[in-house]
Protein backbone atom coordinates (compact mmCIF):
# COMPACT_ATOMS: atom_id res chain seq x y z
CA UNK A 1 43.07 -111.88 84.19
CA UNK A 2 44.55 -111.42 80.88
CA UNK A 3 41.88 -113.84 79.62
CA UNK A 4 39.33 -111.80 81.29
CA UNK A 5 40.42 -108.37 80.21
CA UNK A 6 40.66 -109.97 76.38
CA UNK A 7 37.19 -110.86 76.65
CA UNK A 8 36.05 -107.30 77.06
CA UNK A 9 37.93 -106.04 74.24
CA UNK A 10 36.94 -105.67 70.70
CA UNK A 11 37.72 -108.60 68.31
CA UNK A 12 41.24 -108.49 67.96
CA UNK A 13 42.85 -107.19 64.75
CA UNK A 14 46.21 -106.52 63.43
CA UNK A 15 48.62 -103.95 62.14
CA UNK A 16 51.19 -105.43 59.87
CA UNK A 17 54.69 -104.24 59.70
CA UNK A 18 57.65 -105.07 57.49
CA UNK A 19 60.99 -105.18 59.19
CA UNK A 20 63.75 -106.50 56.85
CA UNK A 21 62.30 -109.51 55.14
CA UNK A 22 60.00 -110.41 57.88
CA UNK A 23 56.38 -109.53 58.21
CA UNK A 24 54.68 -108.71 61.64
CA UNK A 25 50.98 -109.00 62.91
CA UNK A 26 50.83 -106.86 65.92
CA UNK A 27 48.18 -106.25 68.11
CA UNK A 28 47.24 -102.52 68.73
CA UNK A 29 44.62 -103.43 71.52
CA UNK A 30 46.57 -105.43 73.75
CA UNK A 31 45.34 -105.35 77.11
CA UNK A 32 46.24 -101.79 78.32
CA UNK A 33 47.94 -102.97 81.71
CA UNK A 34 50.79 -104.95 80.01
CA UNK A 35 50.77 -103.07 76.64
CA UNK A 36 54.03 -101.32 77.18
CA UNK A 37 55.65 -104.71 78.10
CA UNK A 38 54.22 -106.18 74.91
CA UNK A 39 55.62 -103.23 73.03
CA UNK A 40 59.13 -103.67 74.46
CA UNK A 41 59.09 -107.32 73.68
CA UNK A 42 58.13 -106.94 70.24
CA UNK A 43 61.11 -104.38 69.76
CA UNK A 44 63.45 -107.17 70.85
CA UNK A 45 62.06 -109.88 68.68
CA UNK A 46 61.83 -107.39 65.60
CA UNK A 47 65.81 -106.66 66.03
CA UNK A 48 66.37 -110.19 66.41
CA UNK A 49 64.63 -111.56 63.42
CA UNK A 50 66.18 -108.54 61.19
CA UNK A 51 69.55 -109.73 62.46
CA UNK A 52 68.93 -113.38 61.51
CA UNK A 53 67.76 -111.67 57.95
CA UNK A 54 64.78 -114.15 58.17
CA UNK A 55 62.03 -114.22 55.58
CA UNK A 56 58.99 -115.23 57.90
CA UNK A 57 55.77 -114.10 58.90
CA UNK A 58 55.26 -113.68 62.66
CA UNK A 59 51.74 -113.22 64.58
CA UNK A 60 52.56 -111.44 68.07
CA UNK A 61 49.67 -111.82 70.17
CA UNK A 62 46.18 -113.74 70.12
CA UNK A 63 44.80 -111.96 66.95
CA UNK A 64 44.12 -114.25 63.82
CA UNK A 65 46.62 -114.46 61.03
CA UNK A 66 46.40 -112.07 57.91
CA UNK A 67 48.88 -113.78 56.24
CA UNK A 68 47.01 -116.52 54.38
CA UNK A 69 47.64 -120.20 54.12
CA UNK A 70 50.63 -120.46 52.07
CA UNK A 71 53.24 -119.68 54.74
CA UNK A 72 52.00 -120.43 58.26
CA UNK A 73 53.22 -117.77 60.49
CA UNK A 74 55.31 -118.13 63.56
CA UNK A 75 53.21 -117.30 66.60
CA UNK A 76 54.58 -115.26 69.78
CA UNK A 77 52.67 -114.41 72.96
CA UNK A 78 53.01 -113.10 76.60
CA UNK A 79 52.27 -115.37 79.76
CA UNK A 80 51.95 -112.43 82.20
CA UNK A 81 49.86 -114.38 84.81
CA UNK A 82 50.68 -115.78 88.14
CA UNK A 83 52.10 -119.49 88.20
CA UNK A 84 52.66 -119.24 91.94
CA UNK A 85 49.47 -119.78 93.51
CA UNK A 86 48.58 -121.55 96.85
CA UNK A 87 45.97 -124.58 96.60
CA UNK A 88 42.74 -123.16 96.54
CA UNK A 89 43.57 -119.58 95.01
CA UNK A 90 41.18 -118.10 92.45
CA UNK A 91 41.21 -119.65 89.06
CA UNK A 92 43.81 -122.34 89.95
CA UNK A 93 41.37 -125.49 89.65
CA UNK A 94 43.22 -128.25 87.98
CA UNK A 95 46.76 -126.76 88.56
CA UNK A 96 49.43 -129.48 89.69
CA UNK A 97 51.45 -129.14 92.47
CA UNK A 98 55.12 -127.92 92.10
CA UNK A 99 58.37 -128.20 93.87
CA UNK A 100 58.30 -124.60 95.35
CA UNK A 101 57.27 -125.15 99.22
CA UNK A 102 54.77 -123.09 100.63
CA UNK A 103 56.22 -120.65 103.56
CA UNK A 104 54.15 -122.32 106.35
CA UNK A 105 55.74 -125.69 105.37
CA UNK A 106 52.25 -127.08 104.68
CA UNK A 107 52.75 -128.41 101.11
CA UNK A 108 53.88 -126.64 97.61
CA UNK A 109 52.56 -123.91 95.28
CA UNK A 110 50.52 -125.10 92.47
CA UNK A 111 52.14 -124.32 88.95
CA UNK A 112 49.21 -122.48 87.54
CA UNK A 113 49.12 -121.89 83.77
CA UNK A 114 46.36 -119.66 82.71
CA UNK A 115 45.02 -120.77 79.15
CA UNK A 116 47.21 -123.53 78.78
CA UNK A 117 45.70 -124.64 75.74
CA UNK A 118 46.55 -121.40 74.12
CA UNK A 119 49.91 -121.61 75.33
CA UNK A 120 50.41 -124.54 73.45
CA UNK A 121 49.63 -122.98 70.14
CA UNK A 122 52.73 -120.82 70.53
CA UNK A 123 56.22 -121.23 69.08
CA UNK A 124 57.47 -118.89 71.73
CA UNK A 125 55.96 -118.19 75.12
CA UNK A 126 57.57 -114.98 76.65
CA UNK A 127 57.61 -114.95 80.34
CA UNK A 128 58.24 -111.78 82.45
CA UNK A 129 58.84 -113.40 85.91
CA UNK A 130 61.88 -115.43 86.62
CA UNK A 131 60.28 -117.11 89.74
CA UNK A 132 57.34 -118.01 87.36
CA UNK A 133 59.71 -119.71 85.13
CA UNK A 134 61.72 -121.44 88.17
CA UNK A 135 58.42 -122.79 89.23
CA UNK A 136 57.38 -124.14 85.71
CA UNK A 137 60.71 -125.75 84.85
CA UNK A 138 61.54 -127.35 88.23
CA UNK A 139 57.93 -128.68 88.47
CA UNK A 140 58.93 -131.22 85.58
CA UNK A 141 55.04 -131.38 84.25
CA UNK A 142 55.42 -128.96 81.73
CA UNK A 143 58.80 -129.45 80.08
CA UNK A 144 57.55 -129.18 76.38
CA UNK A 145 56.37 -125.64 77.05
CA UNK A 146 59.13 -124.68 79.33
CA UNK A 147 61.56 -125.38 76.23
CA UNK A 148 59.61 -122.90 74.30
CA UNK A 149 59.32 -120.26 77.06
CA UNK A 150 61.95 -117.15 76.67
CA UNK A 151 62.50 -114.89 79.76
CA UNK A 152 62.15 -111.17 79.03
CA UNK A 153 62.17 -108.93 82.00
CA UNK A 154 60.48 -105.72 82.12
CA UNK A 155 63.44 -103.42 81.63
CA UNK A 156 61.10 -100.64 80.22
CA UNK A 157 63.42 -97.69 80.89
CA UNK A 158 67.04 -96.44 81.05
CA UNK A 159 68.30 -96.44 84.75
CA UNK A 160 68.16 -93.04 86.46
CA UNK A 161 69.11 -93.45 90.30
CA UNK A 162 69.46 -90.07 91.53
CA UNK A 163 66.95 -88.53 94.24
CA UNK A 164 66.30 -84.84 92.60
CA UNK A 165 62.58 -83.91 91.90
CA UNK A 166 60.79 -86.72 94.06
CA UNK A 167 57.91 -84.74 95.55
CA UNK A 168 55.87 -87.92 95.92
CA UNK A 169 56.52 -89.41 99.36
CA UNK A 170 54.90 -92.67 98.64
CA UNK A 171 53.01 -94.50 96.12
CA UNK A 172 51.11 -97.45 95.32
CA UNK A 173 49.69 -98.28 91.96
CA UNK A 174 46.87 -100.78 92.79
CA UNK A 175 44.25 -100.44 89.98
CA UNK A 176 41.58 -102.85 91.76
CA UNK A 177 41.96 -101.35 95.24
CA UNK A 178 38.59 -102.72 95.84
CA UNK A 179 40.26 -106.51 96.91
CA UNK A 180 39.87 -106.95 100.38
CA UNK A 181 43.44 -107.07 101.25
CA UNK A 182 44.58 -103.84 99.27
CA UNK A 183 41.46 -102.01 100.80
CA UNK A 184 42.55 -103.07 104.14
CA UNK A 185 46.00 -101.98 103.49
CA UNK A 186 44.93 -98.54 102.37
CA UNK A 187 42.62 -98.22 105.23
CA UNK A 188 45.50 -98.94 107.60
CA UNK A 189 47.65 -96.28 105.85
CA UNK A 190 45.01 -93.91 106.26
CA UNK A 191 44.51 -94.71 109.89
CA UNK A 192 48.53 -94.23 110.21
CA UNK A 193 48.31 -90.97 108.65
CA UNK A 194 51.09 -92.04 106.21
CA UNK A 195 51.44 -89.89 102.90
CA UNK A 196 51.01 -92.73 100.42
CA UNK A 197 49.05 -91.88 97.15
CA UNK A 198 47.52 -94.95 95.21
CA UNK A 199 47.27 -93.84 91.65
CA UNK A 200 44.91 -95.93 89.28
CA UNK A 201 44.55 -96.24 85.66
CA UNK A 202 48.30 -94.85 84.59
CA UNK A 203 49.69 -97.27 81.97
CA UNK A 204 51.19 -95.34 79.39
CA UNK A 205 55.15 -95.73 79.49
CA UNK A 206 55.76 -92.06 79.23
CA UNK A 207 53.20 -91.06 81.82
CA UNK A 208 54.53 -93.92 84.29
CA UNK A 209 58.00 -93.12 83.80
CA UNK A 210 57.35 -89.23 85.03
CA UNK A 211 55.35 -90.73 88.00
CA UNK A 212 58.26 -93.05 88.90
CA UNK A 213 60.70 -89.90 88.50
CA UNK A 214 58.51 -88.06 91.11
CA UNK A 215 58.40 -90.77 93.70
CA UNK A 216 60.80 -91.65 96.57
CA UNK A 217 59.19 -95.18 97.68
CA UNK A 218 56.84 -97.63 95.97
CA UNK A 219 54.71 -99.89 97.80
CA UNK A 220 53.88 -103.44 96.46
CA UNK A 221 51.05 -105.78 97.78
CA UNK A 222 49.51 -108.59 96.49
CA UNK A 223 45.92 -108.62 95.11
CA UNK A 224 44.82 -112.07 96.91
CA UNK A 225 46.20 -114.04 99.70
CA UNK A 226 46.93 -116.98 97.37
CA UNK A 227 48.68 -115.50 94.21
CA UNK A 228 52.45 -115.01 95.15
CA UNK A 229 54.46 -114.39 91.99
CA UNK A 230 56.27 -110.95 92.36
CA UNK A 231 54.93 -108.33 90.37
CA UNK A 232 57.87 -107.33 88.28
CA UNK A 233 55.86 -105.83 85.82
CA UNK A 234 55.04 -102.86 88.14
CA UNK A 235 58.25 -102.84 90.31
CA UNK A 236 60.96 -103.52 88.24
CA UNK A 237 60.63 -100.23 86.21
CA UNK A 238 60.01 -98.10 89.32
CA UNK A 239 63.24 -99.53 90.41
CA UNK A 240 64.99 -98.60 87.15
CA UNK A 241 63.97 -95.12 87.97
CA UNK A 242 65.50 -94.98 91.46
CA UNK A 243 62.19 -95.63 93.52
CA UNK A 244 62.91 -97.28 96.86
CA UNK A 245 60.63 -100.48 96.68
CA UNK A 246 58.90 -101.83 99.65
CA UNK A 247 57.25 -105.16 98.74
CA UNK A 248 55.37 -107.87 100.44
CA UNK A 249 57.50 -110.86 100.66
CA UNK A 250 57.54 -113.59 97.67
CA UNK A 251 58.70 -117.08 97.12
CA UNK A 252 61.73 -117.61 95.07
CA UNK A 253 62.76 -114.09 95.83
CA UNK A 254 66.82 -115.07 96.01
CA UNK A 255 66.37 -116.08 92.26
CA UNK A 256 65.50 -112.41 91.52
CA UNK A 257 68.77 -110.95 90.48
CA UNK A 258 68.01 -107.32 92.01
CA UNK A 259 66.18 -109.10 95.22
CA UNK A 260 68.90 -107.26 97.68
CA UNK A 261 67.73 -103.85 96.23
CA UNK A 262 64.16 -104.34 97.66
CA UNK A 263 62.75 -103.96 101.32
CA UNK A 264 60.82 -107.17 101.88
CA UNK A 265 58.23 -107.62 104.66
CA UNK A 266 55.15 -109.70 105.35
CA UNK A 267 51.72 -108.25 104.70
CA UNK A 268 51.12 -107.70 108.52
CA UNK A 269 54.17 -105.32 108.54
CA UNK A 270 53.96 -103.24 105.50
CA UNK A 271 52.77 -100.05 107.21
CA UNK A 272 55.19 -100.06 109.88
CA UNK A 273 57.88 -100.75 107.32
CA UNK A 274 56.95 -98.23 105.00
CA UNK A 275 57.14 -95.76 108.13
CA UNK A 276 60.47 -96.71 108.73
CA UNK A 277 61.54 -96.41 105.15
CA UNK A 278 60.07 -92.85 104.76
CA UNK A 279 62.12 -92.02 108.02
CA UNK A 280 65.32 -93.22 106.58
CA UNK A 281 64.58 -93.14 103.16
CA UNK A 282 68.04 -91.83 101.90
CA UNK A 283 69.86 -94.74 103.79
CA UNK A 284 67.71 -96.92 101.80
CA UNK A 285 68.35 -95.22 98.67
CA UNK A 286 72.51 -95.63 99.07
CA UNK A 287 71.66 -99.15 99.83
CA UNK A 288 69.79 -100.07 97.01
CA UNK A 289 71.36 -97.88 94.16
CA UNK A 290 75.02 -98.46 93.48
CA UNK A 291 77.19 -99.63 90.83
CA UNK A 292 76.28 -103.47 91.73
CA UNK A 293 72.71 -102.76 90.89
CA UNK A 294 73.67 -100.91 87.56
CA UNK A 295 75.69 -103.87 86.64
CA UNK A 296 72.97 -106.26 87.62
CA UNK A 297 70.61 -104.39 85.11
CA UNK A 298 73.17 -104.36 82.49
CA UNK A 299 73.68 -108.06 82.77
CA UNK A 300 69.70 -108.65 82.89
CA UNK A 301 69.37 -106.36 79.75
CA UNK A 302 72.26 -108.83 77.66
CA UNK A 303 70.75 -112.01 78.95
CA UNK A 304 67.27 -110.86 77.86
CA UNK A 305 68.62 -109.87 74.29
CA UNK A 306 70.65 -113.36 74.22
CA UNK A 307 67.38 -115.24 75.20
CA UNK A 308 65.66 -113.53 72.35
CA UNK A 309 68.14 -114.29 69.92
CA UNK A 310 68.40 -117.64 71.00
CA UNK A 311 64.55 -118.11 70.83
CA UNK A 312 64.45 -116.71 67.16
CA UNK A 313 67.25 -119.27 66.01
CA UNK A 314 65.39 -122.19 67.78
CA UNK A 315 61.85 -121.00 65.96
CA UNK A 316 63.98 -120.69 62.36
CA UNK A 317 65.66 -123.87 62.61
CA UNK A 318 62.37 -125.81 63.63
CA UNK A 319 61.20 -124.33 60.23
CA UNK A 320 64.00 -125.50 58.41
């Protein structure tokens, strides 16, 4: 998906910023649906390079280096795609089988690395999804890439768990709502007369935070029958802002630190589950948003910072 979006954008160009002794080439036209996450990751790496007092050049994204050949830059970029894809899933040709079993016991998920050749040009690959990272690492097929991969979860907002001001009963954020299974879900919602609003095209961090702060329940639905990585880029920022989340079930959910705060169900039960959650939303809020979840988010924030600092140390050591 990211490759397709990039192909529709103008030729990438850079904005060069200097932080301490480090120069960063940033992409102001990074794909809109992950742009806020991109900025979040840039901020973490800038802070880590400054603390390391590094005199290096860094290209953050796919754009050509503006720095000249005298000092080759370090290259960092995101891996924002689903790796947990069922055999035969869209854009998965050539992907090897991994070790994560399919729910029906018929085999294993593929380990789909979109644009693997590009990922191999990077000094650090940023991964947003812990299940993605588990899928890649435990497959044993991409050890070299896994060693260069750093988990940065999309902790885009400070936590806000209170229930006040939430005038939107239920929300979905399906930009491409023409996908058959998403269209079917929305049709079922309409027939059931559920008060769910699908909002398309809101990607700005401030606008999204305002939307989440008005929402009681977010519903997460996979785009296809085959791409099953948990959509943390959508869900985690909502959970941080106190939205009760109903999600279609996913593989490796027990590896997600906050999985107990999510209401999980199969696709076929989504409408009934949303109806039940809306009827008992305060009970679900009390169960999800407690001191344990706040502590989990604090631990994830520390882990992300430590992971980024480790990645910076590794890259600088490799440069000598």
